[in-house]
Amino acid sequence: STSLSSLLFSISSLVSSSTLLRISGQRSRTKRKSSRTCFICGLERKAFDNKNVTFEEHVRNEHNMWHYLYFIVLIKVKDPTEFTGPESYVHQMVKDKCLDWFPRLRAISLAVEEVEGEQNELRTLQHQLELTQGII
């Protein structure tokens, strides 16, 4: 009886230790992934290399997961007759369990930078065209 109790205690200790190690491993994998992938849009850290906005700024300001949570809570508690247009849209999407309102693999900061780059390229081409016309 004592040896059976001892055996059961040993088995439960092993199971508990194994469970704790597994949970710890899952946490560290999740932390590693969250440090290199935006929770909201799914863009990886490398998408922000050599850009005007760092990955940390993007996650802290542009796609702060807590802001998204607060917004969802707001539309859950706010009187629907008081909704703005975007609030009505997101309210319906949340009600339908649709995540299409999340910016998947998109960030305004990267899109703005891309447009600015294209505008600079157009200005350079315009300048070169004007120089060429001046020669002719």
N, C-alpha and C. Protein backbone atom coordinates (compact mmCIF):
# COMPACT_ATOMS: atom_id res chain seq x y z
N SER A 1 0.82 -1.20 0.00
CA SER A 1 0.00 0.00 0.00
C SER A 1 0.86 1.26 0.00
N THR A 2 1.93 1.24 0.84
CA THR A 2 2.82 2.38 0.89
C THR A 2 3.60 2.51 -0.41
N SER A 3 4.01 1.37 -0.97
CA SER A 3 4.74 1.42 -2.22
C SER A 3 3.84 1.86 -3.37
N LEU A 4 2.55 1.49 -3.32
CA LEU A 4 1.60 1.92 -4.33
C LEU A 4 1.39 3.43 -4.25
N SER A 5 1.26 3.94 -3.03
CA SER A 5 1.10 5.39 -2.84
C SER A 5 2.34 6.11 -3.33
N SER A 6 3.49 5.56 -3.02
CA SER A 6 4.75 6.16 -3.45
C SER A 6 4.86 6.16 -4.98
N LEU A 7 4.44 5.07 -5.60
CA LEU A 7 4.47 4.96 -7.05
C LEU A 7 3.51 5.98 -7.69
N LEU A 8 2.29 6.08 -7.16
CA LEU A 8 1.31 7.04 -7.68
C LEU A 8 1.82 8.47 -7.51
N PHE A 9 2.44 8.75 -6.37
CA PHE A 9 2.98 10.09 -6.14
C PHE A 9 4.09 10.40 -7.15
N SER A 10 4.95 9.42 -7.41
CA SER A 10 6.04 9.60 -8.38
C SER A 10 5.48 9.84 -9.78
N ILE A 11 4.47 9.07 -10.15
CA ILE A 11 3.86 9.24 -11.48
C ILE A 11 3.22 10.61 -11.59
N SER A 12 2.47 11.03 -10.56
CA SER A 12 1.82 12.34 -10.62
C SER A 12 2.85 13.46 -10.66
N SER A 13 3.96 13.29 -9.97
CA SER A 13 5.04 14.28 -10.01
C SER A 13 5.63 14.38 -11.41
N LEU A 14 5.85 13.24 -12.06
CA LEU A 14 6.39 13.23 -13.42
C LEU A 14 5.41 13.89 -14.40
N VAL A 15 4.13 13.57 -14.27
CA VAL A 15 3.13 14.16 -15.16
C VAL A 15 3.07 15.67 -14.96
N SER A 16 3.09 16.11 -13.68
CA SER A 16 3.06 17.54 -13.38
C SER A 16 4.29 18.24 -13.95
N SER A 17 5.46 17.64 -13.77
CA SER A 17 6.70 18.22 -14.29
C SER A 17 6.66 18.29 -15.80
N SER A 18 6.18 17.23 -16.43
CA SER A 18 6.10 17.20 -17.88
C SER A 18 5.14 18.27 -18.39
N THR A 19 4.01 18.42 -17.72
CA THR A 19 3.02 19.44 -18.11
C THR A 19 3.61 20.83 -17.95
N LEU A 20 4.28 21.09 -16.86
CA LEU A 20 4.89 22.40 -16.64
C LEU A 20 5.95 22.71 -17.69
N LEU A 21 6.76 21.72 -18.04
CA LEU A 21 7.78 21.92 -19.07
C LEU A 21 7.13 22.20 -20.42
N ARG A 22 6.05 21.48 -20.73
CA ARG A 22 5.37 21.69 -22.00
C ARG A 22 4.75 23.09 -22.06
N ILE A 23 4.11 23.52 -20.97
CA ILE A 23 3.51 24.86 -20.92
C ILE A 23 4.60 25.91 -21.04
N SER A 24 5.70 25.71 -20.36
CA SER A 24 6.82 26.65 -20.43
C SER A 24 7.36 26.74 -21.85
N GLY A 25 7.48 25.61 -22.52
CA GLY A 25 7.96 25.59 -23.90
C GLY A 25 7.01 26.31 -24.84
N GLN A 26 5.70 26.11 -24.63
CA GLN A 26 4.70 26.79 -25.46
C GLN A 26 4.78 28.31 -25.26
N ARG A 27 4.95 28.73 -24.01
CA ARG A 27 5.06 30.16 -23.71
C ARG A 27 6.27 30.77 -24.39
N SER A 28 7.41 30.09 -24.32
CA SER A 28 8.62 30.65 -24.92
C SER A 28 8.50 30.70 -26.45
N ARG A 29 7.85 29.69 -27.06
CA ARG A 29 7.63 29.73 -28.51
C ARG A 29 6.70 30.88 -28.89
N THR A 30 5.65 31.07 -28.10
CA THR A 30 4.70 32.16 -28.36
C THR A 30 5.40 33.51 -28.20
N LYS A 31 6.23 33.64 -27.18
CA LYS A 31 6.94 34.90 -26.96
C LYS A 31 7.92 35.18 -28.10
N ARG A 32 8.63 34.14 -28.56
CA ARG A 32 9.55 34.32 -29.69
C ARG A 32 8.80 34.75 -30.93
N LYS A 33 7.66 34.10 -31.20
CA LYS A 33 6.88 34.44 -32.39
C LYS A 33 6.34 35.86 -32.28
N SER A 34 5.83 36.26 -31.11
CA SER A 34 5.27 37.60 -30.96
C SER A 34 6.35 38.68 -31.04
N SER A 35 7.59 38.32 -30.79
CA SER A 35 8.66 39.31 -30.89
C SER A 35 9.13 39.49 -32.33
N ARG A 36 8.62 38.64 -33.24
CA ARG A 36 9.03 38.79 -34.63
C ARG A 36 7.85 38.85 -35.60
N THR A 37 6.60 38.77 -35.09
CA THR A 37 5.41 38.82 -35.93
C THR A 37 4.36 39.71 -35.27
N CYS A 38 3.76 40.61 -36.03
CA CYS A 38 2.70 41.47 -35.51
C CYS A 38 1.44 40.63 -35.28
N PHE A 39 0.90 40.68 -34.08
CA PHE A 39 -0.30 39.92 -33.73
C PHE A 39 -1.49 40.33 -34.58
N ILE A 40 -1.61 41.60 -34.92
CA ILE A 40 -2.77 42.11 -35.65
C ILE A 40 -2.70 41.80 -37.14
N CYS A 41 -1.61 42.17 -37.79
CA CYS A 41 -1.56 42.03 -39.25
C CYS A 41 -0.75 40.82 -39.73
N GLY A 42 0.08 40.25 -38.87
CA GLY A 42 0.85 39.08 -39.26
C GLY A 42 2.14 39.38 -40.01
N LEU A 43 2.44 40.68 -40.20
CA LEU A 43 3.71 41.01 -40.86
C LEU A 43 4.87 40.66 -39.94
N GLU A 44 5.93 40.18 -40.55
CA GLU A 44 7.11 39.83 -39.77
C GLU A 44 8.02 41.04 -39.60
N ARG A 45 8.86 40.95 -38.59
CA ARG A 45 9.80 42.03 -38.26
C ARG A 45 10.60 42.49 -39.47
N LYS A 46 11.01 41.54 -40.32
CA LYS A 46 11.87 41.88 -41.45
C LYS A 46 11.18 42.80 -42.47
N ALA A 47 9.84 42.85 -42.46
CA ALA A 47 9.12 43.74 -43.38
C ALA A 47 9.40 45.20 -43.05
N PHE A 48 9.89 45.47 -41.84
CA PHE A 48 10.14 46.84 -41.40
C PHE A 48 11.63 47.20 -41.43
N ASP A 49 12.45 46.26 -41.91
CA ASP A 49 13.88 46.55 -42.05
C ASP A 49 14.07 47.68 -43.06
N ASN A 50 14.92 48.63 -42.71
CA ASN A 50 15.25 49.77 -43.58
C ASN A 50 14.02 50.60 -43.98
N LYS A 51 13.05 50.69 -43.08
CA LYS A 51 11.85 51.49 -43.32
C LYS A 51 11.82 52.65 -42.33
N ASN A 52 10.92 53.61 -42.55
CA ASN A 52 10.81 54.76 -41.66
C ASN A 52 10.25 54.39 -40.30
N VAL A 53 9.50 53.29 -40.23
CA VAL A 53 8.88 52.84 -38.99
C VAL A 53 9.53 51.52 -38.58
N THR A 54 9.91 51.42 -37.31
CA THR A 54 10.48 50.17 -36.83
C THR A 54 9.35 49.19 -36.49
N PHE A 55 9.68 47.93 -36.38
CA PHE A 55 8.71 46.92 -36.00
C PHE A 55 8.10 47.25 -34.64
N GLU A 56 8.93 47.69 -33.71
CA GLU A 56 8.45 48.02 -32.36
C GLU A 56 7.46 49.17 -32.40
N GLU A 57 7.75 50.21 -33.20
CA GLU A 57 6.82 51.34 -33.33
C GLU A 57 5.51 50.88 -33.96
N HIS A 58 5.61 50.02 -34.95
CA HIS A 58 4.42 49.49 -35.62
C HIS A 58 3.52 48.76 -34.62
N VAL A 59 4.10 47.86 -33.83
CA VAL A 59 3.33 47.06 -32.88
C VAL A 59 2.80 47.93 -31.73
N ARG A 60 3.58 48.91 -31.32
CA ARG A 60 3.18 49.76 -30.19
C ARG A 60 2.13 50.79 -30.60
N ASN A 61 2.24 51.36 -31.79
CA ASN A 61 1.38 52.47 -32.18
C ASN A 61 0.33 52.12 -33.24
N GLU A 62 0.77 51.55 -34.33
CA GLU A 62 -0.13 51.32 -35.46
C GLU A 62 -1.06 50.12 -35.23
N HIS A 63 -0.51 49.03 -34.74
CA HIS A 63 -1.30 47.82 -34.52
C HIS A 63 -1.18 47.34 -33.07
N ASN A 64 -1.48 48.23 -32.16
CA ASN A 64 -1.47 47.88 -30.74
C ASN A 64 -2.66 46.95 -30.46
N MET A 65 -2.37 45.72 -30.04
CA MET A 65 -3.44 44.74 -29.85
C MET A 65 -4.43 45.18 -28.78
N TRP A 66 -3.98 45.95 -27.80
CA TRP A 66 -4.88 46.41 -26.74
C TRP A 66 -5.87 47.43 -27.29
N HIS A 67 -5.46 48.24 -28.24
CA HIS A 67 -6.39 49.20 -28.86
C HIS A 67 -7.50 48.46 -29.60
N TYR A 68 -7.13 47.38 -30.27
CA TYR A 68 -8.13 46.57 -30.97
C TYR A 68 -9.09 45.95 -29.97
N LEU A 69 -8.57 45.43 -28.86
CA LEU A 69 -9.42 44.84 -27.82
C LEU A 69 -10.36 45.90 -27.24
N TYR A 70 -9.85 47.07 -26.91
CA TYR A 70 -10.68 48.14 -26.35
C TYR A 70 -11.78 48.53 -27.34
N PHE A 71 -11.45 48.57 -28.63
CA PHE A 71 -12.44 48.93 -29.64
C PHE A 71 -13.56 47.89 -29.69
N ILE A 72 -13.19 46.61 -29.62
CA ILE A 72 -14.20 45.55 -29.63
C ILE A 72 -15.09 45.66 -28.40
N VAL A 73 -14.49 45.92 -27.24
CA VAL A 73 -15.27 46.10 -26.02
C VAL A 73 -16.20 47.30 -26.17
N LEU A 74 -15.69 48.40 -26.74
CA LEU A 74 -16.50 49.60 -26.95
C LEU A 74 -17.75 49.28 -27.77
N ILE A 75 -17.59 48.56 -28.88
CA ILE A 75 -18.76 48.29 -29.72
C ILE A 75 -19.69 47.26 -29.09
N LYS A 76 -19.19 46.50 -28.13
CA LYS A 76 -20.05 45.55 -27.43
C LYS A 76 -20.93 46.27 -26.39
N VAL A 77 -20.41 47.35 -25.80
CA VAL A 77 -21.15 48.03 -24.73
C VAL A 77 -21.86 49.30 -25.19
N LYS A 78 -21.48 49.83 -26.33
CA LYS A 78 -22.06 51.08 -26.82
C LYS A 78 -23.45 50.84 -27.44
N ASP A 79 -24.33 51.80 -27.28
CA ASP A 79 -25.66 51.73 -27.88
C ASP A 79 -25.50 51.76 -29.41
N PRO A 80 -25.99 50.74 -30.11
CA PRO A 80 -25.82 50.68 -31.57
C PRO A 80 -26.38 51.89 -32.32
N THR A 81 -27.35 52.59 -31.74
CA THR A 81 -27.89 53.79 -32.41
C THR A 81 -26.90 54.94 -32.37
N GLU A 82 -25.86 54.80 -31.56
CA GLU A 82 -24.84 55.85 -31.42
C GLU A 82 -23.56 55.53 -32.22
N PHE A 83 -23.55 54.41 -32.95
CA PHE A 83 -22.36 54.00 -33.69
C PHE A 83 -22.01 54.99 -34.80
N THR A 84 -20.70 55.13 -35.02
CA THR A 84 -20.21 55.82 -36.22
C THR A 84 -20.23 54.78 -37.34
N GLY A 85 -19.91 55.19 -38.55
CA GLY A 85 -19.88 54.24 -39.68
C GLY A 85 -18.92 53.08 -39.44
N PRO A 86 -17.65 53.39 -39.10
CA PRO A 86 -16.70 52.28 -38.85
C PRO A 86 -17.13 51.37 -37.70
N GLU A 87 -17.71 51.96 -36.65
CA GLU A 87 -18.16 51.15 -35.52
C GLU A 87 -19.28 50.20 -35.94
N SER A 88 -20.21 50.68 -36.78
CA SER A 88 -21.30 49.83 -37.29
C SER A 88 -20.74 48.67 -38.10
N TYR A 89 -19.78 49.00 -38.96
CA TYR A 89 -19.17 47.98 -39.81
C TYR A 89 -18.49 46.90 -38.97
N VAL A 90 -17.66 47.32 -38.02
CA VAL A 90 -16.92 46.35 -37.20
C VAL A 90 -17.88 45.59 -36.30
N HIS A 91 -18.90 46.25 -35.78
CA HIS A 91 -19.89 45.59 -34.94
C HIS A 91 -20.53 44.42 -35.70
N GLN A 92 -20.91 44.66 -36.94
CA GLN A 92 -21.51 43.61 -37.76
C GLN A 92 -20.50 42.50 -38.04
N MET A 93 -19.26 42.87 -38.33
CA MET A 93 -18.22 41.87 -38.60
C MET A 93 -17.98 40.99 -37.37
N VAL A 94 -17.90 41.62 -36.20
CA VAL A 94 -17.68 40.85 -34.97
C VAL A 94 -18.89 39.94 -34.71
N LYS A 95 -20.08 40.48 -34.91
CA LYS A 95 -21.30 39.70 -34.72
C LYS A 95 -21.31 38.48 -35.63
N ASP A 96 -20.82 38.65 -36.87
CA ASP A 96 -20.76 37.55 -37.84
C ASP A 96 -19.52 36.68 -37.68
N LYS A 97 -18.69 37.01 -36.68
CA LYS A 97 -17.43 36.29 -36.44
C LYS A 97 -16.52 36.31 -37.66
N CYS A 98 -16.50 37.44 -38.34
CA CYS A 98 -15.70 37.64 -39.54
C CYS A 98 -14.51 38.54 -39.21
N LEU A 99 -13.33 38.13 -39.58
CA LEU A 99 -12.12 38.89 -39.26
C LEU A 99 -11.60 39.71 -40.44
N ASP A 100 -12.41 39.88 -41.46
CA ASP A 100 -11.97 40.61 -42.65
C ASP A 100 -11.63 42.08 -42.37
N TRP A 101 -12.09 42.60 -41.24
CA TRP A 101 -11.79 44.00 -40.91
C TRP A 101 -10.39 44.16 -40.34
N PHE A 102 -9.73 43.06 -40.02
CA PHE A 102 -8.34 43.12 -39.56
C PHE A 102 -7.44 43.34 -40.77
N PRO A 103 -6.41 44.18 -40.64
CA PRO A 103 -5.51 44.46 -41.77
C PRO A 103 -4.49 43.34 -41.96
N ARG A 104 -4.88 42.25 -42.61
CA ARG A 104 -3.99 41.11 -42.78
C ARG A 104 -2.86 41.43 -43.76
N LEU A 105 -1.64 41.30 -43.27
CA LEU A 105 -0.41 41.52 -44.05
C LEU A 105 -0.37 42.92 -44.67
N ARG A 106 -0.93 43.90 -43.95
CA ARG A 106 -0.92 45.29 -44.42
C ARG A 106 -0.63 46.22 -43.26
N ALA A 107 0.05 47.32 -43.57
CA ALA A 107 0.32 48.36 -42.60
C ALA A 107 0.33 49.70 -43.32
N ILE A 108 -0.43 50.65 -42.81
CA ILE A 108 -0.50 51.96 -43.45
C ILE A 108 0.89 52.59 -43.56
N SER A 109 1.69 52.43 -42.53
CA SER A 109 3.03 53.04 -42.55
C SER A 109 3.87 52.53 -43.71
N LEU A 110 3.74 51.26 -44.05
CA LEU A 110 4.50 50.71 -45.17
C LEU A 110 3.90 51.15 -46.50
N ALA A 111 2.57 51.25 -46.57
CA ALA A 111 1.92 51.69 -47.81
C ALA A 111 2.25 53.15 -48.10
N VAL A 112 2.25 54.00 -47.06
CA VAL A 112 2.58 55.42 -47.22
C VAL A 112 4.01 55.56 -47.72
N GLU A 113 4.91 54.79 -47.14
CA GLU A 113 6.31 54.85 -47.55
C GLU A 113 6.47 54.42 -49.01
N GLU A 114 5.70 53.41 -49.42
CA GLU A 114 5.76 52.93 -50.80
C GLU A 114 5.28 54.03 -51.76
N VAL A 115 4.19 54.71 -51.41
CA VAL A 115 3.65 55.79 -52.24
C VAL A 115 4.64 56.94 -52.32
N GLU A 116 5.26 57.28 -51.17
CA GLU A 116 6.25 58.36 -51.17
C GLU A 116 7.43 58.01 -52.06
N GLY A 117 7.85 56.75 -52.04
CA GLY A 117 8.94 56.30 -52.89
C GLY A 117 8.58 56.41 -54.37
N GLU A 118 7.35 56.04 -54.70
CA GLU A 118 6.90 56.16 -56.09
C GLU A 118 6.82 57.63 -56.51
N GLN A 119 6.37 58.50 -55.60
CA GLN A 119 6.29 59.93 -55.92
C GLN A 119 7.68 60.51 -56.15
N ASN A 120 8.65 60.11 -55.34
CA ASN A 120 10.03 60.56 -55.53
C ASN A 120 10.57 60.09 -56.88
N GLU A 121 10.24 58.86 -57.23
CA GLU A 121 10.67 58.31 -58.51
C GLU A 121 10.06 59.10 -59.67
N LEU A 122 8.77 59.44 -59.54
CA LEU A 122 8.10 60.24 -60.57
C LEU A 122 8.73 61.62 -60.69
N ARG A 123 9.05 62.24 -59.54
CA ARG A 123 9.69 63.56 -59.56
C ARG A 123 11.03 63.50 -60.27
N THR A 124 11.79 62.44 -60.00
CA THR A 124 13.10 62.26 -60.64
C THR A 124 12.94 62.09 -62.14
N LEU A 125 11.97 61.29 -62.55
CA LEU A 125 11.73 61.09 -63.99
C LEU A 125 11.26 62.39 -64.64
N GLN A 126 10.40 63.15 -63.95
CA GLN A 126 9.93 64.42 -64.48
C GLN A 126 11.10 65.39 -64.66
N HIS A 127 11.99 65.42 -63.66
CA HIS A 127 13.16 66.29 -63.73
C HIS A 127 14.06 65.89 -64.90
N GLN A 128 14.28 64.59 -65.07
CA GLN A 128 15.10 64.12 -66.18
C GLN A 128 14.47 64.45 -67.52
N LEU A 129 13.14 64.34 -67.60
CA LEU A 129 12.43 64.68 -68.83
C LEU A 129 12.59 66.17 -69.15
N GLU A 130 12.47 67.02 -68.13
CA GLU A 130 12.62 68.46 -68.33
C GLU A 130 14.05 68.80 -68.78
N LEU A 131 15.05 68.13 -68.21
CA LEU A 131 16.43 68.34 -68.62
C LEU A 131 16.63 67.93 -70.08
N THR A 132 16.04 66.78 -70.44
CA THR A 132 16.16 66.29 -71.81
C THR A 132 15.46 67.24 -72.78
N GLN A 133 14.30 67.76 -72.41
CA GLN A 133 13.58 68.70 -73.28
C GLN A 133 14.39 69.99 -73.43
N GLY A 134 15.09 70.39 -72.39
CA GLY A 134 15.91 71.60 -72.44
C GLY A 134 17.08 71.45 -73.39
N ILE A 135 17.58 70.24 -73.52
CA ILE A 135 18.70 69.98 -74.43
C ILE A 135 18.23 70.02 -75.87
N ILE A 136 17.02 69.54 -76.12
CA ILE A 136 16.48 69.47 -77.49
C ILE A 136 16.05 70.80 -77.91
